[in-house]
Amino acid sequence: QVRLVESGGGLVQAGGSLRLSCAASGSIFNAYAMGWYRQAPGKQRELVARINSGGTTNYLDSVKGRFTASRDNAKNTVYLQMNSLKPEDTGVYYCNVVINLVGYWGQGTQVTVSS
């Protein structure tokens, strides 16, 4: 059973912050890179942050300096700290892991940023 559960989304004003969490079903995920994606209504899902098993991160250009991905392997959880939020950051945020070419996704958590 592979299960990812996102939480922490909500409604925030521009300039505010949110911290998203993704809880994984087991320690197996500690050995894999994890990704944070987002999808606005009617738009393609896009990768916003990636964190490998050692904690090295990569970010979508538009979120660099504002978003920080991290992981706590002991808790089987990855995080996305989002600061200085903009209306353009609005969307459903998903956690993802790829194992043997198969992508696993959580249910998503809604982030809405008002202007």
N, C-alpha and C. Protein backbone atom coordinates (compact mmCIF):
# COMPACT_ATOMS: atom_id res chain seq x y z
N GLN A 1 0.83 -1.17 0.00
CA GLN A 1 0.00 0.00 0.00
C GLN A 1 0.88 1.25 0.00
N VAL A 2 0.70 2.10 -1.00
CA VAL A 2 1.39 3.37 -1.09
C VAL A 2 0.36 4.47 -0.86
N ARG A 3 0.60 5.27 0.14
CA ARG A 3 -0.36 6.31 0.49
C ARG A 3 0.36 7.59 0.87
N LEU A 4 -0.07 8.69 0.27
CA LEU A 4 0.45 10.01 0.57
C LEU A 4 -0.72 10.91 0.94
N VAL A 5 -0.59 11.65 2.01
CA VAL A 5 -1.65 12.52 2.48
C VAL A 5 -1.11 13.91 2.71
N GLU A 6 -1.62 14.87 1.92
CA GLU A 6 -1.22 16.26 2.06
C GLU A 6 -2.14 16.99 3.04
N SER A 7 -1.59 17.99 3.69
CA SER A 7 -2.37 18.83 4.57
C SER A 7 -1.70 20.19 4.68
N GLY A 8 -2.41 21.15 5.23
CA GLY A 8 -1.84 22.45 5.50
C GLY A 8 -2.29 23.57 4.59
N GLY A 9 -3.06 23.24 3.56
CA GLY A 9 -3.55 24.28 2.67
C GLY A 9 -4.59 25.15 3.33
N GLY A 10 -4.94 26.23 2.65
CA GLY A 10 -5.93 27.14 3.18
C GLY A 10 -6.00 28.41 2.37
N LEU A 11 -6.70 29.37 2.93
CA LEU A 11 -6.85 30.69 2.32
C LEU A 11 -5.94 31.67 3.02
N VAL A 12 -5.16 32.40 2.25
CA VAL A 12 -4.21 33.35 2.81
C VAL A 12 -4.13 34.58 1.91
N GLN A 13 -3.87 35.72 2.50
CA GLN A 13 -3.68 36.94 1.73
C GLN A 13 -2.30 36.96 1.08
N ALA A 14 -2.19 37.68 -0.01
CA ALA A 14 -0.89 37.86 -0.66
C ALA A 14 0.13 38.36 0.36
N GLY A 15 1.31 37.77 0.30
CA GLY A 15 2.36 38.10 1.25
C GLY A 15 2.40 37.19 2.46
N GLY A 16 1.37 36.38 2.64
CA GLY A 16 1.30 35.49 3.77
C GLY A 16 2.06 34.19 3.54
N SER A 17 1.94 33.29 4.51
CA SER A 17 2.68 32.03 4.48
C SER A 17 1.79 30.85 4.82
N LEU A 18 2.17 29.70 4.28
CA LEU A 18 1.55 28.44 4.62
C LEU A 18 2.63 27.38 4.66
N ARG A 19 2.42 26.35 5.46
CA ARG A 19 3.31 25.21 5.50
C ARG A 19 2.53 23.95 5.18
N LEU A 20 2.87 23.33 4.06
CA LEU A 20 2.22 22.10 3.66
C LEU A 20 3.00 20.89 4.16
N SER A 21 2.27 19.84 4.47
CA SER A 21 2.88 18.59 4.89
C SER A 21 2.40 17.46 4.01
N CYS A 22 3.24 16.48 3.81
CA CYS A 22 2.89 15.27 3.08
C CYS A 22 3.38 14.09 3.90
N ALA A 23 2.44 13.34 4.43
CA ALA A 23 2.76 12.18 5.24
C ALA A 23 2.71 10.93 4.37
N ALA A 24 3.79 10.18 4.35
CA ALA A 24 3.89 8.96 3.56
C ALA A 24 3.54 7.74 4.39
N SER A 25 3.16 6.68 3.69
CA SER A 25 2.64 5.50 4.37
C SER A 25 3.70 4.65 5.05
N GLY A 26 4.94 4.77 4.63
CA GLY A 26 5.96 3.93 5.22
C GLY A 26 7.36 4.45 4.99
N SER A 27 8.31 3.84 5.67
CA SER A 27 9.70 4.28 5.60
C SER A 27 10.33 4.06 4.23
N ILE A 28 9.70 3.28 3.38
CA ILE A 28 10.19 3.07 2.03
C ILE A 28 10.43 4.39 1.31
N PHE A 29 9.59 5.37 1.59
CA PHE A 29 9.69 6.65 0.89
C PHE A 29 10.89 7.47 1.31
N ASN A 30 11.52 7.12 2.40
CA ASN A 30 12.70 7.84 2.85
C ASN A 30 13.86 7.71 1.88
N ALA A 31 13.86 6.69 1.05
CA ALA A 31 14.94 6.44 0.11
C ALA A 31 14.72 7.08 -1.25
N TYR A 32 13.61 7.78 -1.43
CA TYR A 32 13.24 8.31 -2.73
C TYR A 32 13.13 9.82 -2.71
N ALA A 33 13.39 10.41 -3.88
CA ALA A 33 13.10 11.82 -4.06
C ALA A 33 11.59 12.03 -4.04
N MET A 34 11.18 13.15 -3.48
CA MET A 34 9.78 13.52 -3.42
C MET A 34 9.57 14.83 -4.14
N GLY A 35 8.40 15.00 -4.71
CA GLY A 35 8.09 16.22 -5.41
C GLY A 35 6.83 16.87 -4.91
N TRP A 36 6.80 18.19 -4.98
CA TRP A 36 5.59 18.96 -4.75
C TRP A 36 5.15 19.54 -6.10
N TYR A 37 3.90 19.30 -6.43
CA TYR A 37 3.30 19.82 -7.65
C TYR A 37 2.10 20.68 -7.30
N ARG A 38 1.73 21.52 -8.24
CA ARG A 38 0.49 22.27 -8.06
C ARG A 38 -0.26 22.33 -9.38
N GLN A 39 -1.56 22.50 -9.28
CA GLN A 39 -2.41 22.57 -10.45
C GLN A 39 -3.52 23.59 -10.22
N ALA A 40 -3.53 24.61 -11.06
CA ALA A 40 -4.61 25.57 -11.04
C ALA A 40 -5.74 25.06 -11.94
N PRO A 41 -6.99 25.51 -11.70
CA PRO A 41 -8.11 25.03 -12.51
C PRO A 41 -7.87 25.25 -14.00
N GLY A 42 -8.06 24.20 -14.79
CA GLY A 42 -7.90 24.29 -16.22
C GLY A 42 -6.47 24.36 -16.72
N LYS A 43 -5.50 24.21 -15.83
CA LYS A 43 -4.10 24.31 -16.21
C LYS A 43 -3.36 23.01 -15.97
N GLN A 44 -2.20 22.90 -16.58
CA GLN A 44 -1.35 21.73 -16.40
C GLN A 44 -0.78 21.69 -14.99
N ARG A 45 -0.63 20.49 -14.49
CA ARG A 45 0.06 20.31 -13.22
C ARG A 45 1.55 20.58 -13.43
N GLU A 46 2.15 21.34 -12.52
CA GLU A 46 3.55 21.69 -12.65
C GLU A 46 4.34 21.35 -11.40
N LEU A 47 5.57 20.97 -11.61
CA LEU A 47 6.48 20.68 -10.50
C LEU A 47 6.96 21.99 -9.91
N VAL A 48 6.78 22.16 -8.61
CA VAL A 48 7.22 23.38 -7.96
C VAL A 48 8.44 23.18 -7.08
N ALA A 49 8.64 21.98 -6.56
CA ALA A 49 9.79 21.71 -5.71
C ALA A 49 10.09 20.22 -5.71
N ARG A 50 11.35 19.90 -5.56
CA ARG A 50 11.78 18.51 -5.48
C ARG A 50 12.82 18.42 -4.38
N ILE A 51 12.77 17.33 -3.62
CA ILE A 51 13.76 17.09 -2.58
C ILE A 51 14.18 15.63 -2.65
N ASN A 52 15.49 15.41 -2.74
CA ASN A 52 15.96 14.04 -2.84
C ASN A 52 16.13 13.43 -1.45
N SER A 53 16.57 12.17 -1.44
CA SER A 53 16.65 11.45 -0.18
C SER A 53 17.63 12.07 0.81
N GLY A 54 18.62 12.80 0.29
CA GLY A 54 19.59 13.45 1.15
C GLY A 54 19.24 14.87 1.55
N GLY A 55 18.11 15.37 1.05
CA GLY A 55 17.68 16.70 1.40
C GLY A 55 18.01 17.79 0.41
N THR A 56 18.66 17.43 -0.70
CA THR A 56 18.96 18.42 -1.74
C THR A 56 17.68 18.82 -2.46
N THR A 57 17.51 20.11 -2.69
CA THR A 57 16.27 20.62 -3.25
C THR A 57 16.47 21.33 -4.57
N ASN A 58 15.40 21.35 -5.35
CA ASN A 58 15.32 22.11 -6.59
C ASN A 58 13.94 22.75 -6.65
N TYR A 59 13.86 23.91 -7.30
CA TYR A 59 12.62 24.67 -7.29
C TYR A 59 12.28 25.23 -8.66
N LEU A 60 11.00 25.36 -8.90
CA LEU A 60 10.51 26.12 -10.03
C LEU A 60 11.02 27.55 -9.89
N ASP A 61 11.46 28.14 -11.00
CA ASP A 61 12.05 29.47 -10.94
C ASP A 61 11.15 30.49 -10.24
N SER A 62 9.86 30.42 -10.48
CA SER A 62 8.95 31.42 -9.94
C SER A 62 8.76 31.32 -8.43
N VAL A 63 9.21 30.24 -7.81
CA VAL A 63 9.07 30.11 -6.36
C VAL A 63 10.41 30.15 -5.63
N LYS A 64 11.50 30.23 -6.35
CA LYS A 64 12.82 30.28 -5.72
C LYS A 64 12.92 31.48 -4.79
N GLY A 65 13.45 31.22 -3.62
CA GLY A 65 13.58 32.27 -2.62
C GLY A 65 12.35 32.45 -1.76
N ARG A 66 11.24 31.85 -2.16
CA ARG A 66 10.00 31.97 -1.41
C ARG A 66 9.55 30.65 -0.79
N PHE A 67 9.78 29.55 -1.50
CA PHE A 67 9.37 28.23 -1.04
C PHE A 67 10.59 27.43 -0.58
N THR A 68 10.40 26.63 0.45
CA THR A 68 11.46 25.77 0.95
C THR A 68 10.90 24.37 1.21
N ALA A 69 11.46 23.38 0.53
CA ALA A 69 11.08 21.99 0.78
C ALA A 69 12.03 21.38 1.80
N SER A 70 11.50 20.52 2.64
CA SER A 70 12.32 19.83 3.62
C SER A 70 11.69 18.47 3.89
N ARG A 71 12.42 17.63 4.61
CA ARG A 71 11.86 16.33 4.94
C ARG A 71 12.34 15.89 6.30
N ASP A 72 11.49 15.15 6.97
CA ASP A 72 11.80 14.54 8.24
C ASP A 72 11.60 13.05 8.05
N ASN A 73 12.68 12.36 7.76
CA ASN A 73 12.57 10.94 7.43
C ASN A 73 12.06 10.10 8.60
N ALA A 74 12.39 10.52 9.82
CA ALA A 74 11.92 9.79 10.99
C ALA A 74 10.40 9.82 11.09
N LYS A 75 9.79 10.86 10.55
CA LYS A 75 8.34 10.99 10.57
C LYS A 75 7.69 10.63 9.24
N ASN A 76 8.50 10.21 8.28
CA ASN A 76 7.99 9.88 6.95
C ASN A 76 7.18 11.03 6.36
N THR A 77 7.69 12.23 6.51
CA THR A 77 6.95 13.41 6.13
C THR A 77 7.85 14.38 5.37
N VAL A 78 7.30 14.98 4.32
CA VAL A 78 7.97 16.07 3.62
C VAL A 78 7.13 17.32 3.78
N TYR A 79 7.79 18.46 3.70
CA TYR A 79 7.14 19.74 3.94
C TYR A 79 7.41 20.70 2.80
N LEU A 80 6.53 21.66 2.66
CA LEU A 80 6.76 22.78 1.76
C LEU A 80 6.37 24.05 2.50
N GLN A 81 7.37 24.80 2.92
CA GLN A 81 7.14 26.10 3.53
C GLN A 81 7.01 27.12 2.42
N MET A 82 5.90 27.82 2.39
CA MET A 82 5.61 28.79 1.35
C MET A 82 5.47 30.17 1.98
N ASN A 83 6.38 31.05 1.62
CA ASN A 83 6.38 32.42 2.13
C ASN A 83 6.13 33.40 0.99
N SER A 84 5.79 34.62 1.36
CA SER A 84 5.55 35.68 0.38
C SER A 84 4.63 35.21 -0.74
N LEU A 85 3.54 34.59 -0.35
CA LEU A 85 2.64 34.00 -1.32
C LEU A 85 2.00 35.04 -2.22
N LYS A 86 1.80 34.64 -3.46
CA LYS A 86 1.20 35.48 -4.48
C LYS A 86 -0.07 34.83 -5.01
N PRO A 87 -1.00 35.61 -5.55
CA PRO A 87 -2.20 35.00 -6.14
C PRO A 87 -1.88 33.93 -7.18
N GLU A 88 -0.78 34.08 -7.89
CA GLU A 88 -0.37 33.12 -8.90
C GLU A 88 0.00 31.76 -8.30
N ASP A 89 0.19 31.70 -6.99
CA ASP A 89 0.49 30.44 -6.33
C ASP A 89 -0.76 29.62 -6.04
N THR A 90 -1.92 30.17 -6.30
CA THR A 90 -3.17 29.48 -6.04
C THR A 90 -3.28 28.18 -6.84
N GLY A 91 -3.73 27.14 -6.19
CA GLY A 91 -3.93 25.87 -6.86
C GLY A 91 -4.02 24.74 -5.85
N VAL A 92 -4.22 23.55 -6.37
CA VAL A 92 -4.19 22.36 -5.54
C VAL A 92 -2.77 21.83 -5.54
N TYR A 93 -2.23 21.64 -4.36
CA TYR A 93 -0.85 21.17 -4.21
C TYR A 93 -0.85 19.69 -3.89
N TYR A 94 0.00 18.96 -4.61
CA TYR A 94 0.09 17.52 -4.49
C TYR A 94 1.50 17.08 -4.15
N CYS A 95 1.59 16.05 -3.36
CA CYS A 95 2.85 15.37 -3.08
C CYS A 95 2.98 14.18 -4.02
N ASN A 96 4.20 13.88 -4.43
CA ASN A 96 4.44 12.83 -5.41
C ASN A 96 5.73 12.09 -5.12
N VAL A 97 5.71 10.79 -5.39
CA VAL A 97 6.93 9.99 -5.40
C VAL A 97 6.85 9.03 -6.58
N VAL A 98 7.97 8.82 -7.24
CA VAL A 98 8.03 7.88 -8.36
C VAL A 98 8.83 6.67 -7.94
N ILE A 99 8.23 5.51 -8.06
CA ILE A 99 8.88 4.25 -7.73
C ILE A 99 8.71 3.32 -8.92
N ASN A 100 9.82 2.91 -9.51
CA ASN A 100 9.79 2.02 -10.67
C ASN A 100 8.88 2.55 -11.78
N LEU A 101 9.06 3.81 -12.09
CA LEU A 101 8.36 4.51 -13.17
C LEU A 101 6.87 4.75 -12.90
N VAL A 102 6.42 4.43 -11.71
CA VAL A 102 5.03 4.66 -11.34
C VAL A 102 4.96 5.83 -10.38
N GLY A 103 4.14 6.81 -10.71
CA GLY A 103 3.96 7.96 -9.86
C GLY A 103 2.83 7.76 -8.88
N TYR A 104 3.09 8.07 -7.63
CA TYR A 104 2.08 7.99 -6.58
C TYR A 104 1.76 9.39 -6.09
N TRP A 105 0.50 9.65 -5.89
CA TRP A 105 0.02 10.99 -5.56
C TRP A 105 -0.87 10.97 -4.34
N GLY A 106 -0.82 12.06 -3.60
CA GLY A 106 -1.79 12.26 -2.55
C GLY A 106 -3.07 12.85 -3.11
N GLN A 107 -4.00 13.17 -2.24
CA GLN A 107 -5.30 13.69 -2.67
C GLN A 107 -5.26 15.18 -2.98
N GLY A 108 -4.22 15.85 -2.55
CA GLY A 108 -4.06 17.27 -2.79
C GLY A 108 -4.61 18.12 -1.66
N THR A 109 -4.07 19.31 -1.54
CA THR A 109 -4.57 20.28 -0.57
C THR A 109 -4.67 21.64 -1.26
N GLN A 110 -5.79 22.30 -1.07
CA GLN A 110 -6.07 23.55 -1.77
C GLN A 110 -5.35 24.72 -1.12
N VAL A 111 -4.68 25.50 -1.94
CA VAL A 111 -4.06 26.75 -1.51
C VAL A 111 -4.68 27.88 -2.31
N THR A 112 -5.24 28.84 -1.62
CA THR A 112 -5.84 30.00 -2.27
C THR A 112 -5.22 31.26 -1.71
N VAL A 113 -4.67 32.08 -2.59
CA VAL A 113 -4.01 33.32 -2.20
C VAL A 113 -4.81 34.48 -2.78
N SER A 114 -5.32 35.32 -1.92
CA SER A 114 -6.10 36.46 -2.35
C SER A 114 -5.21 37.69 -2.53
N SER A 115 -5.59 38.56 -3.45
CA SER A 115 -4.82 39.76 -3.71
C SER A 115 -5.20 40.89 -2.78
